Amino acid sequence: MHDASDLGEPDSPFHAGERAVQERLGVRERSERSGRRMIRDFMPEQHRDFFALLPFVLVGSLDVHGRPWASLLSGPPGFVTSPHPRSLIIGTSPLADDPLTDNLRVGAPLGLLGIELETRRRNRENGRVLWHSARGFELLVEQSFGNCKQYIQARTRLNVRPPGGAGGQAVPGGPRLDVRAAGLVRDCDTAFLATASAAATQGGAEGVDVSHRGGPPGFMRVDDHGACSRITLPDYAGNNMFNSLGNIEVRPRAGLLACDFESGDLLSLTGTARVLWDAPQLAQFPGALRLLQIDVERHVLLTGALLLPAILV
């Protein structure tokens, strides 16, 4: 058994929300041991090399109201560089209507996810913005760790729109998704979830996180709930760190980026979030251990954000 000093609140890689969820699910000590082994405050060389190969990355950010958003940034391989183990430089800027445009501020917490769809490899880097300009921004890395390959739909290499390339249009909206936006969520098999801890700007174990969520088309549900749309998605067995669930425990909000690889459209939304630990609806989601629900507050449909479709392998 570990005592309280062994589990170490001051130097734990997990914040209070993550620890609470780990405790609730009976994996606290195991998660702490794994986290201390896997989560670093710098990028190992293989992570630095991996990001330099990618044509796109996912970014989680917070708006001025504290709402998380997930975004996709793209460029030719090499647009992300790591000059030293605690630095990632992203050499491109978001689309003008992407919420990330307004969320990039010096000191702002960000979560980055690098994912290679053809190999299903993924690495996560969380930290804070050192500088930003029209040519991109630099992230001071404060947490770096890898993830397993489960639930990622393998595809041939994704072709993405180059920086400054002619894109489609942005269609902003409120809490109710229209037919096109709701259909995109229902039909997609690849999405990304952005969440944040209670004191995200403090850095260290606190911060913003963005993670992959996937399954067969239809793995997410959309229903009308009063004046808003409600998204329900499954939570499957994972690495027992519970970064997303731990964030929602202390900041009940989430952002979701749903991808349509046939049309090239992206739907980004944000809203209030909750975890359904044991609900009758679980029977409708085979293999799910829990459910996440997001009641939409704002959304934006980015048409033609992806240049060409990615084919399932």
Protein backbone atom coordinates (compact mmCIF):
# COMPACT_ATOMS: atom_id res chain seq x y z
CA MET A 1 0.00 0.00 0.00
CA HIS A 2 1.06 3.60 -0.63
CA ASP A 3 0.46 6.29 1.95
CA ALA A 4 -0.56 9.84 1.09
CA SER A 5 3.03 11.01 0.75
CA ASP A 6 3.77 8.17 -1.70
CA LEU A 7 0.85 9.20 -3.89
CA GLY A 8 2.15 12.74 -3.61
CA GLU A 9 -0.34 15.53 -4.19
CA PRO A 10 2.37 18.21 -4.74
CA ASP A 11 4.38 16.31 -7.37
CA SER A 12 1.71 14.04 -8.80
CA PRO A 13 1.32 14.23 -12.59
CA PHE A 14 -2.44 14.36 -12.01
CA HIS A 15 -4.63 17.19 -10.77
CA ALA A 16 -7.43 16.85 -8.21
CA GLY A 17 -10.15 15.99 -10.74
CA GLU A 18 -8.14 13.19 -12.33
CA ARG A 19 -7.23 11.79 -8.92
CA ALA A 20 -10.88 11.87 -7.84
CA VAL A 21 -12.01 9.87 -10.89
CA GLN A 22 -9.17 7.39 -10.47
CA GLU A 23 -10.19 6.94 -6.83
CA ARG A 24 -13.84 6.52 -7.76
CA LEU A 25 -13.00 3.75 -10.23
CA GLY A 26 -10.56 1.96 -7.94
CA VAL A 27 -7.39 2.52 -9.99
CA ARG A 28 -5.79 5.41 -8.11
CA GLU A 29 -2.54 3.75 -7.06
CA ARG A 30 -2.04 1.98 -10.38
CA SER A 31 -2.73 5.19 -12.30
CA GLU A 32 -0.26 7.12 -10.17
CA ARG A 33 2.47 4.58 -10.80
CA SER A 34 1.78 4.55 -14.55
CA GLY A 35 1.54 8.33 -14.73
CA ARG A 36 4.86 8.86 -13.00
CA ARG A 37 6.46 6.48 -15.49
CA MET A 38 4.74 7.74 -18.66
CA ILE A 39 4.12 11.47 -18.20
CA ARG A 40 7.19 13.66 -18.63
CA ASP A 41 7.73 17.43 -18.45
CA PHE A 42 9.72 17.27 -21.69
CA MET A 43 9.42 15.61 -25.08
CA PRO A 44 11.50 12.49 -25.68
CA GLU A 45 13.33 12.44 -28.99
CA GLN A 46 10.85 10.04 -30.60
CA HIS A 47 7.97 12.45 -29.87
CA ARG A 48 9.92 15.37 -31.31
CA ASP A 49 10.67 13.40 -34.47
CA PHE A 50 7.07 12.19 -34.73
CA PHE A 51 5.53 15.67 -34.72
CA ALA A 52 7.89 16.79 -37.47
CA LEU A 53 6.42 14.13 -39.78
CA LEU A 54 2.77 15.11 -39.37
CA PRO A 55 0.60 17.05 -41.87
CA PHE A 56 -1.83 18.11 -39.13
CA VAL A 57 -2.21 18.38 -35.35
CA LEU A 58 -5.19 18.82 -33.04
CA VAL A 59 -5.27 21.71 -30.57
CA GLY A 60 -7.44 22.17 -27.49
CA SER A 61 -7.91 25.74 -26.24
CA LEU A 62 -10.09 27.89 -23.97
CA ASP A 63 -12.11 30.92 -25.02
CA VAL A 64 -12.60 34.01 -22.85
CA HIS A 65 -15.62 32.36 -21.21
CA GLY A 66 -13.57 29.34 -20.16
CA ARG A 67 -15.19 27.07 -22.77
CA PRO A 68 -12.96 24.41 -24.39
CA TRP A 69 -12.71 24.13 -28.18
CA ALA A 70 -10.93 21.57 -30.36
CA SER A 71 -9.26 22.68 -33.60
CA LEU A 72 -7.25 21.16 -36.44
CA LEU A 73 -4.12 22.87 -37.78
CA SER A 74 -2.43 21.64 -40.95
CA GLY A 75 0.60 22.19 -43.13
CA PRO A 76 3.23 20.32 -45.10
CA PRO A 77 5.19 17.79 -42.98
CA GLY A 78 7.76 19.79 -41.06
CA PHE A 79 5.38 22.64 -40.21
CA VAL A 80 5.73 21.47 -36.58
CA THR A 81 9.26 21.60 -35.18
CA SER A 82 10.85 21.03 -31.79
CA PRO A 83 14.03 23.08 -31.31
CA HIS A 84 14.50 21.64 -27.81
CA PRO A 85 12.72 19.03 -25.64
CA ARG A 86 10.33 21.52 -24.02
CA SER A 87 9.37 23.40 -27.17
CA LEU A 88 6.96 22.82 -30.04
CA ILE A 89 6.71 25.46 -32.75
CA ILE A 90 3.61 25.23 -34.95
CA GLY A 91 4.36 27.07 -38.17
CA THR A 92 0.87 27.94 -39.28
CA SER A 93 -2.18 29.86 -38.08
CA PRO A 94 -5.79 28.75 -37.68
CA LEU A 95 -8.49 29.69 -40.14
CA ALA A 96 -9.93 33.13 -39.43
CA ASP A 97 -13.25 31.73 -38.21
CA ASP A 98 -11.77 28.93 -36.12
CA PRO A 99 -12.26 29.67 -32.38
CA LEU A 100 -8.53 29.04 -31.85
CA THR A 101 -7.82 32.35 -33.63
CA ASP A 102 -9.19 34.30 -30.66
CA ASN A 103 -7.93 31.81 -28.05
CA LEU A 104 -4.21 32.16 -28.83
CA ARG A 105 -2.75 34.41 -26.16
CA VAL A 106 0.64 34.49 -24.45
CA GLY A 107 0.37 32.24 -21.41
CA ALA A 108 -2.80 30.56 -22.66
CA PRO A 109 -2.96 26.83 -21.90
CA LEU A 110 -3.17 24.49 -24.90
CA GLY A 111 -3.39 20.75 -25.40
CA LEU A 112 -1.85 19.27 -28.56
CA LEU A 113 -2.44 15.86 -30.05
CA GLY A 114 -0.31 14.43 -32.81
CA ILE A 115 -1.96 11.49 -34.53
CA GLU A 116 -0.99 9.42 -37.56
CA LEU A 117 -4.16 7.85 -38.93
CA GLU A 118 -2.43 5.31 -41.14
CA THR A 119 -0.44 3.81 -38.23
CA ARG A 120 -2.82 4.89 -35.42
CA ARG A 121 0.11 6.26 -33.44
CA ARG A 122 -0.57 9.28 -31.22
CA ASN A 123 1.23 11.49 -28.72
CA ARG A 124 -0.05 14.28 -26.50
CA GLU A 125 1.73 17.46 -25.46
CA ASN A 126 0.17 19.95 -23.04
CA GLY A 127 1.57 23.34 -22.09
CA ARG A 128 1.29 27.11 -22.48
CA VAL A 129 1.80 29.61 -25.31
CA LEU A 130 5.15 31.41 -25.27
CA TRP A 131 4.44 33.64 -28.30
CA HIS A 132 2.11 33.78 -31.28
CA SER A 133 2.03 35.70 -34.54
CA ALA A 134 0.69 35.43 -38.06
CA ARG A 135 3.31 32.74 -38.76
CA GLY A 136 2.32 30.47 -35.87
CA PHE A 137 3.04 29.99 -32.18
CA GLU A 138 5.31 28.21 -29.72
CA LEU A 139 4.17 25.86 -26.98
CA LEU A 140 6.15 25.46 -23.76
CA VAL A 141 5.67 21.72 -23.14
CA GLU A 142 4.75 20.84 -19.55
CA GLN A 143 3.33 17.33 -20.03
CA SER A 144 4.27 14.80 -22.73
CA PHE A 145 2.91 11.26 -23.04
CA GLY A 146 1.82 8.65 -25.55
CA ASN A 147 -1.54 6.91 -25.98
CA CYS A 148 -2.68 3.48 -27.11
CA LYS A 149 -4.06 2.82 -30.61
CA GLN A 150 -7.52 1.64 -29.59
CA TYR A 151 -10.63 2.91 -31.37
CA ILE A 152 -8.73 4.84 -34.06
CA GLN A 153 -10.10 4.24 -37.55
CA ALA A 154 -7.00 3.57 -39.66
CA ARG A 155 -6.86 5.53 -42.94
CA THR A 156 -4.43 6.24 -45.69
CA ARG A 157 -2.51 9.44 -45.10
CA LEU A 158 -4.86 12.38 -44.70
CA ASN A 159 -4.50 15.15 -47.27
CA VAL A 160 -5.11 18.51 -45.68
CA ARG A 161 -5.57 21.99 -47.05
CA PRO A 162 -2.26 23.87 -47.13
CA PRO A 163 -1.89 27.12 -45.17
CA GLY A 164 -3.43 29.97 -47.11
CA GLY A 165 -5.15 27.56 -49.48
CA ALA A 166 -8.60 28.42 -50.73
CA GLY A 167 -11.08 26.98 -48.29
CA GLY A 168 -14.80 26.90 -47.90
CA GLN A 169 -16.83 28.96 -45.52
CA ALA A 170 -17.50 29.05 -41.81
CA VAL A 171 -21.11 28.76 -40.70
CA PRO A 172 -21.44 29.78 -37.04
CA GLY A 173 -24.38 28.69 -34.95
CA GLY A 174 -25.79 28.55 -31.46
CA PRO A 175 -27.00 25.72 -29.23
CA ARG A 176 -29.14 23.91 -31.83
CA LEU A 177 -27.42 21.96 -34.62
CA ASP A 178 -29.11 22.09 -38.02
CA VAL A 179 -29.69 19.00 -40.16
CA ARG A 180 -26.25 19.16 -41.82
CA ALA A 181 -24.32 19.63 -38.57
CA ALA A 182 -26.28 16.97 -36.69
CA GLY A 183 -25.82 14.54 -39.59
CA LEU A 184 -22.07 15.12 -39.58
CA VAL A 185 -21.90 14.10 -35.91
CA ARG A 186 -24.08 11.03 -36.42
CA ASP A 187 -22.14 9.81 -39.46
CA CYS A 188 -18.57 10.46 -38.37
CA ASP A 189 -16.19 7.85 -36.97
CA THR A 190 -13.41 10.20 -35.83
CA ALA A 191 -13.75 13.07 -33.37
CA PHE A 192 -11.59 14.96 -30.90
CA LEU A 193 -12.56 16.03 -27.39
CA ALA A 194 -11.15 19.13 -25.67
CA THR A 195 -11.41 19.57 -21.89
CA ALA A 196 -9.62 21.62 -19.24
CA SER A 197 -8.85 21.43 -15.54
CA ALA A 198 -10.14 23.93 -12.98
CA ALA A 199 -6.89 25.93 -12.85
CA ALA A 200 -5.74 25.36 -16.43
CA THR A 201 -3.53 28.47 -16.61
CA GLN A 202 -1.32 27.27 -13.74
CA GLY A 203 0.40 24.68 -15.90
CA GLY A 204 2.11 21.57 -14.65
CA ALA A 205 -0.53 18.95 -13.89
CA GLU A 206 -3.20 21.56 -14.66
CA GLY A 207 -4.04 22.54 -18.21
CA VAL A 208 -6.02 21.84 -21.38
CA ASP A 209 -6.21 18.41 -22.99
CA VAL A 210 -7.38 17.16 -26.38
CA SER A 211 -8.00 13.47 -27.00
CA HIS A 212 -9.19 11.18 -29.79
CA ARG A 213 -12.69 9.66 -29.72
CA GLY A 214 -13.64 7.13 -32.34
CA GLY A 215 -15.77 4.18 -33.32
CA PRO A 216 -17.91 2.95 -36.19
CA PRO A 217 -20.16 5.54 -37.90
CA GLY A 218 -23.03 6.22 -35.53
CA PHE A 219 -20.98 5.81 -32.36
CA MET A 220 -22.17 9.29 -31.29
CA ARG A 221 -25.82 10.28 -30.86
CA VAL A 222 -27.49 13.67 -31.35
CA ASP A 223 -30.83 14.51 -29.74
CA ASP A 224 -32.83 17.66 -29.18
CA HIS A 225 -32.82 18.68 -25.53
CA GLY A 226 -34.94 21.76 -24.93
CA ALA A 227 -33.40 24.65 -26.85
CA CYS A 228 -30.08 22.88 -27.49
CA SER A 229 -28.72 19.77 -29.14
CA ARG A 230 -27.29 17.07 -26.86
CA ILE A 231 -24.36 14.92 -27.99
CA THR A 232 -23.91 11.52 -26.32
CA LEU A 233 -20.73 9.56 -26.89
CA PRO A 234 -19.31 6.40 -25.34
CA ASP A 235 -16.30 6.19 -23.06
CA TYR A 236 -14.41 2.93 -23.56
CA ALA A 237 -11.64 1.26 -21.55
CA GLY A 238 -8.40 3.19 -21.89
CA ASN A 239 -5.14 3.92 -20.10
CA ASN A 240 -6.74 4.59 -16.69
CA MET A 241 -5.38 8.13 -16.55
CA PHE A 242 -8.84 9.66 -17.06
CA ASN A 243 -7.56 13.01 -18.27
CA SER A 244 -10.82 14.01 -19.99
CA LEU A 245 -13.13 12.66 -17.29
CA GLY A 246 -10.97 14.20 -14.58
CA ASN A 247 -11.18 17.59 -16.30
CA ILE A 248 -14.95 17.35 -16.62
CA GLU A 249 -15.10 16.46 -12.91
CA VAL A 250 -13.79 19.93 -12.00
CA ARG A 251 -14.76 21.95 -15.11
CA PRO A 252 -18.00 20.52 -16.56
CA ARG A 253 -17.45 21.76 -20.11
CA ALA A 254 -16.11 20.19 -23.29
CA GLY A 255 -15.38 20.97 -26.91
CA LEU A 256 -15.85 18.48 -29.73
CA LEU A 257 -14.42 18.47 -33.26
CA ALA A 258 -16.25 16.05 -35.58
CA CYS A 259 -14.61 15.20 -38.92
CA ASP A 260 -16.25 14.37 -42.26
CA PHE A 261 -13.52 12.83 -44.39
CA GLU A 262 -15.75 12.58 -47.48
CA SER A 263 -16.77 16.23 -47.75
CA GLY A 264 -13.76 17.69 -45.96
CA ASP A 265 -16.02 19.51 -43.49
CA LEU A 266 -15.29 19.96 -39.79
CA LEU A 267 -17.81 20.72 -37.05
CA SER A 268 -16.47 22.37 -33.92
CA LEU A 269 -18.75 22.82 -30.91
CA THR A 270 -18.57 23.61 -27.22
CA GLY A 271 -20.96 23.19 -24.34
CA THR A 272 -21.64 21.93 -20.84
CA ALA A 273 -20.56 18.36 -20.20
CA ARG A 274 -21.32 15.53 -17.80
CA VAL A 275 -20.33 11.93 -17.24
CA LEU A 276 -23.06 9.31 -16.95
CA TRP A 277 -21.41 6.71 -14.75
CA ASP A 278 -24.21 4.17 -14.80
CA ALA A 279 -27.15 4.98 -17.05
CA PRO A 280 -29.78 2.87 -18.83
CA GLN A 281 -28.54 4.31 -22.15
CA LEU A 282 -25.29 2.35 -21.76
CA ALA A 283 -27.02 -0.66 -23.31
CA GLN A 284 -27.26 1.30 -26.58
CA PHE A 285 -23.45 1.67 -26.79
CA PRO A 286 -21.82 -1.80 -26.96
CA GLY A 287 -18.52 -1.91 -25.11
CA ALA A 288 -18.93 1.47 -23.41
CA LEU A 289 -18.13 1.68 -19.70
CA ARG A 290 -19.58 5.17 -19.29
CA LEU A 291 -21.18 7.87 -21.38
CA LEU A 292 -20.27 11.51 -21.96
CA GLN A 293 -22.93 14.09 -22.77
CA ILE A 294 -22.40 17.59 -24.15
CA ASP A 295 -25.23 20.13 -24.28
CA VAL A 296 -24.21 22.44 -27.11
CA GLU A 297 -23.81 26.17 -26.43
CA ARG A 298 -22.05 27.33 -29.61
CA HIS A 299 -20.85 25.66 -32.81
CA VAL A 300 -19.21 26.46 -36.13
CA LEU A 301 -19.25 24.37 -39.31
CA LEU A 302 -16.00 24.76 -41.29
CA THR A 303 -16.71 23.58 -44.82
CA GLY A 304 -13.89 22.33 -47.01
CA ALA A 305 -11.33 22.53 -44.20
CA LEU A 306 -9.86 19.19 -45.35
CA LEU A 307 -8.67 19.22 -48.93
CA LEU A 308 -9.20 15.58 -49.93
CA PRO A 309 -10.87 12.57 -48.32
CA ALA A 310 -8.88 10.05 -46.31
CA ILE A 311 -9.67 6.46 -47.23
CA LEU A 312 -10.26 3.74 -44.64
CA VAL A 313 -7.51 1.12 -44.80
